[in-house]
C-alpha atoms as a PDB file:
ATOM      1  CA  MET A   1     -57.250  -8.586 -37.426  1.00  0.00           C
ATOM      2  CA  PHE A   2     -60.584  -6.880 -38.218  1.00  0.00           C
ATOM      3  CA  ILE A   3     -59.424  -3.296 -37.675  1.00  0.00           C
ATOM      4  CA  TRP A   4     -59.800  -2.421 -41.368  1.00  0.00           C
ATOM      5  CA  MET A   5     -63.573  -2.969 -41.153  1.00  0.00           C
ATOM      6  CA  ALA A   6     -66.022  -0.377 -39.817  1.00  0.00           C
ATOM      7  CA  TRP A   7     -67.635  -2.706 -37.275  1.00  0.00           C
ATOM      8  CA  THR A   8     -70.947  -1.228 -36.260  1.00  0.00           C
ATOM      9  CA  THR A   9     -73.791  -3.192 -34.735  1.00  0.00           C
ATOM     10  CA  PRO A  10     -75.719  -3.505 -38.032  1.00  0.00           C
ATOM     11  CA  VAL A  11     -72.595  -4.731 -39.852  1.00  0.00           C
ATOM     12  CA  ALA A  12     -71.911  -7.319 -37.156  1.00  0.00           C
ATOM     13  CA  VAL A  13     -75.546  -8.481 -37.181  1.00  0.00           C
ATOM     14  CA  PHE A  14     -75.443  -8.753 -40.994  1.00  0.00           C
ATOM     15  CA  PHE A  15     -72.343 -10.983 -40.935  1.00  0.00           C
ATOM     16  CA  ILE A  16     -73.680 -13.071 -38.035  1.00  0.00           C
ATOM     17  CA  CYS A  17     -76.884 -13.659 -40.028  1.00  0.00           C
ATOM     18  CA  ILE A  18     -74.832 -14.770 -43.028  1.00  0.00           C
ATOM     19  CA  ALA A  19     -72.846 -17.214 -40.871  1.00  0.00           C
ATOM     20  CA  LEU A  20     -76.032 -18.600 -39.312  1.00  0.00           C
ATOM     21  CA  MET A  21     -77.630 -18.988 -42.749  1.00  0.00           C
ATOM     22  CA  LEU A  22     -74.620 -20.916 -44.029  1.00  0.00           C
ATOM     23  CA  ILE A  23     -74.707 -23.233 -41.007  1.00  0.00           C
ATOM     24  CA  ALA A  24     -78.474 -23.743 -41.341  1.00  0.00           C
ATOM     25  CA  MET A  25     -78.213 -24.412 -45.073  1.00  0.00           C
ATOM     26  CA  THR A  26     -75.454 -26.981 -44.476  1.00  0.00           C
ATOM     27  CA  VAL A  27     -77.562 -28.837 -41.915  1.00  0.00           C
ATOM     28  CA  TRP A  28     -80.649 -28.613 -44.165  1.00  0.00           C
ATOM     29  CA  GLU A  29     -78.686 -29.962 -47.140  1.00  0.00           C
ATOM     30  CA  ILE A  30     -77.405 -32.912 -45.087  1.00  0.00           C
ATOM     31  CA  LYS A  31     -80.890 -33.722 -43.784  1.00  0.00           C
ATOM     32  CA  SER A  32     -82.734 -33.164 -47.064  1.00  0.00           C
ATOM     33  CA  PRO A  33     -80.686 -33.002 -50.278  1.00  0.00           C
ATOM     34  CA  THR A  34     -81.930 -30.398 -52.708  1.00  0.00           C
ATOM     35  CA  THR A  35     -83.218 -30.773 -56.257  1.00  0.00           C
ATOM     36  CA  LEU A  36     -83.247 -28.328 -59.140  1.00  0.00           C
ATOM     37  CA  ARG A  37     -86.223 -25.984 -59.230  1.00  0.00           C
ATOM     38  CA  ARG A  38     -87.384 -23.269 -61.593  1.00  0.00           C
ATOM     39  CA  GLY A  39     -88.667 -19.983 -60.175  1.00  0.00           C
ATOM     40  CA  PHE A  40     -88.534 -16.415 -61.458  1.00  0.00           C
ATOM     41  CA  LEU A  41     -84.765 -16.650 -61.938  1.00  0.00           C
ATOM     42  CA  PRO A  42     -83.854 -17.412 -65.574  1.00  0.00           C
ATOM     43  CA  MET A  43     -82.299 -20.788 -64.735  1.00  0.00           C
ATOM     44  CA  ASP A  44     -82.886 -23.929 -62.712  1.00  0.00           C
ATOM     45  CA  THR A  45     -81.463 -23.439 -59.211  1.00  0.00           C
ATOM     46  CA  THR A  46     -80.860 -25.337 -56.002  1.00  0.00           C
ATOM     47  CA  ARG A  47     -81.272 -23.904 -52.502  1.00  0.00           C
ATOM     48  CA  GLY A  48     -77.564 -23.165 -52.396  1.00  0.00           C
ATOM     49  CA  ASP A  49     -77.699 -21.323 -55.710  1.00  0.00           C
ATOM     50  CA  ARG A  50     -80.592 -19.192 -54.502  1.00  0.00           C
ATOM     51  CA  LEU A  51     -78.780 -18.487 -51.211  1.00  0.00           C
ATOM     52  CA  PHE A  52     -75.674 -17.348 -53.076  1.00  0.00           C
ATOM     53  CA  ILE A  53     -77.676 -15.143 -55.457  1.00  0.00           C
ATOM     54  CA  GLY A  54     -79.694 -13.785 -52.519  1.00  0.00           C
ATOM     55  CA  LEU A  55     -76.578 -12.976 -50.497  1.00  0.00           C
ATOM     56  CA  LEU A  56     -75.077 -11.136 -53.464  1.00  0.00           C
ATOM     57  CA  ALA A  57     -78.304  -9.196 -53.960  1.00  0.00           C
ATOM     58  CA  ALA A  58     -78.468  -8.356 -50.234  1.00  0.00           C
ATOM     59  CA  ALA A  59     -74.871  -7.124 -50.229  1.00  0.00           C
ATOM     60  CA  TYR A  60     -75.450  -4.959 -53.316  1.00  0.00           C
ATOM     61  CA  LEU A  61     -78.637  -3.538 -51.823  1.00  0.00           C
ATOM     62  CA  ASN A  62     -76.733  -2.581 -48.659  1.00  0.00           C
ATOM     63  CA  LEU A  63     -73.939  -0.974 -50.698  1.00  0.00           C
ATOM     64  CA  ILE A  64     -76.436   0.983 -52.788  1.00  0.00           C
ATOM     65  CA  PHE A  65     -78.195   2.194 -49.640  1.00  0.00           C
ATOM     66  CA  VAL A  66     -74.919   3.326 -48.069  1.00  0.00           C
ATOM     67  CA  GLY A  67     -74.021   5.076 -51.314  1.00  0.00           C
ATOM     68  CA  ILE A  68     -77.270   7.018 -51.582  1.00  0.00           C
ATOM     69  CA  SER A  69     -77.986   7.597 -47.881  1.00  0.00           C
ATOM     70  CA  GLY A  70     -76.477  11.099 -47.987  1.00  0.00           C
ATOM     71  CA  TRP A  71     -78.628  11.953 -50.976  1.00  0.00           C
ATOM     72  CA  LEU A  72     -81.708  10.536 -49.212  1.00  0.00           C
ATOM     73  CA  ALA A  73     -80.993  12.661 -46.136  1.00  0.00           C
ATOM     74  CA  GLN A  74     -80.738  15.752 -48.305  1.00  0.00           C
ATOM     75  CA  TRP A  75     -83.777  14.849 -50.439  1.00  0.00           C
ATOM     76  CA  PHE A  76     -86.054  14.226 -47.433  1.00  0.00           C
ATOM     77  CA  GLY A  77     -84.553  17.022 -45.320  1.00  0.00           C
ATOM     78  CA  LEU A  78     -83.286  14.696 -42.574  1.00  0.00           C
ATOM     79  CA  ASP A  79     -80.796  15.869 -39.950  1.00  0.00           C
ATOM     80  CA  ALA A  80     -78.729  12.685 -40.347  1.00  0.00           C
ATOM     81  CA  ASP A  81     -78.372   9.817 -42.813  1.00  0.00           C
ATOM     82  CA  PRO A  82     -81.158   7.211 -42.653  1.00  0.00           C
ATOM     83  CA  SER A  83     -80.529   4.251 -40.370  1.00  0.00           C
ATOM     84  CA  ILE A  84     -78.622   1.355 -41.882  1.00  0.00           C
ATOM     85  CA  TRP A  85     -81.192  -0.929 -40.221  1.00  0.00           C
ATOM     86  CA  ILE A  86     -83.564   0.028 -43.049  1.00  0.00           C
ATOM     87  CA  SER A  87     -81.268  -1.499 -45.635  1.00  0.00           C
ATOM     88  CA  PHE A  88     -80.595  -4.493 -43.390  1.00  0.00           C
ATOM     89  CA  LEU A  89     -84.305  -5.299 -43.154  1.00  0.00           C
ATOM     90  CA  ALA A  90     -84.824  -4.656 -46.871  1.00  0.00           C
ATOM     91  CA  SER A  91     -81.874  -6.882 -47.805  1.00  0.00           C
ATOM     92  CA  MET A  92     -83.071  -9.721 -45.563  1.00  0.00           C
ATOM     93  CA  ALA A  93     -86.560  -9.422 -47.103  1.00  0.00           C
ATOM     94  CA  LEU A  94     -84.991  -9.562 -50.573  1.00  0.00           C
ATOM     95  CA  LEU A  95     -82.974 -12.632 -49.566  1.00  0.00           C
ATOM     96  CA  VAL A  96     -86.074 -14.415 -48.248  1.00  0.00           C
ATOM     97  CA  TRP A  97     -87.991 -13.539 -51.434  1.00  0.00           C
ATOM     98  CA  ILE A  98     -85.218 -14.935 -53.643  1.00  0.00           C
ATOM     99  CA  MET A  99     -84.965 -18.082 -51.517  1.00  0.00           C
ATOM    100  CA  ARG A 100     -88.731 -18.727 -51.654  1.00  0.00           C
ATOM    101  CA  LYS A 101     -89.669 -17.623 -55.167  1.00  0.00           C
ATOM    102  CA  GLY A 102     -86.346 -17.688 -57.095  1.00  0.00           C
END
């Protein structure tokens, strides 16, 4: 069923984190319904809105990193492409920032 996907450990961890976030957000929403809030995003958002925007941003950041990793290896004279864990940590930090300040 999942043969089409390049399942590496970082990819699996990324999708597991997304699933856990969705479960946690569902429980949080049931326990404490959200209200609209205004942060740095140009609109009023709820927690769910910020999670969705953060997940999109995290996915795009990972795709950009994968796209430029060969260039980064060449630019910095690395023997291999940089670890995908770098983009995973950066994307999770971006997601947390959007959730807290967005």
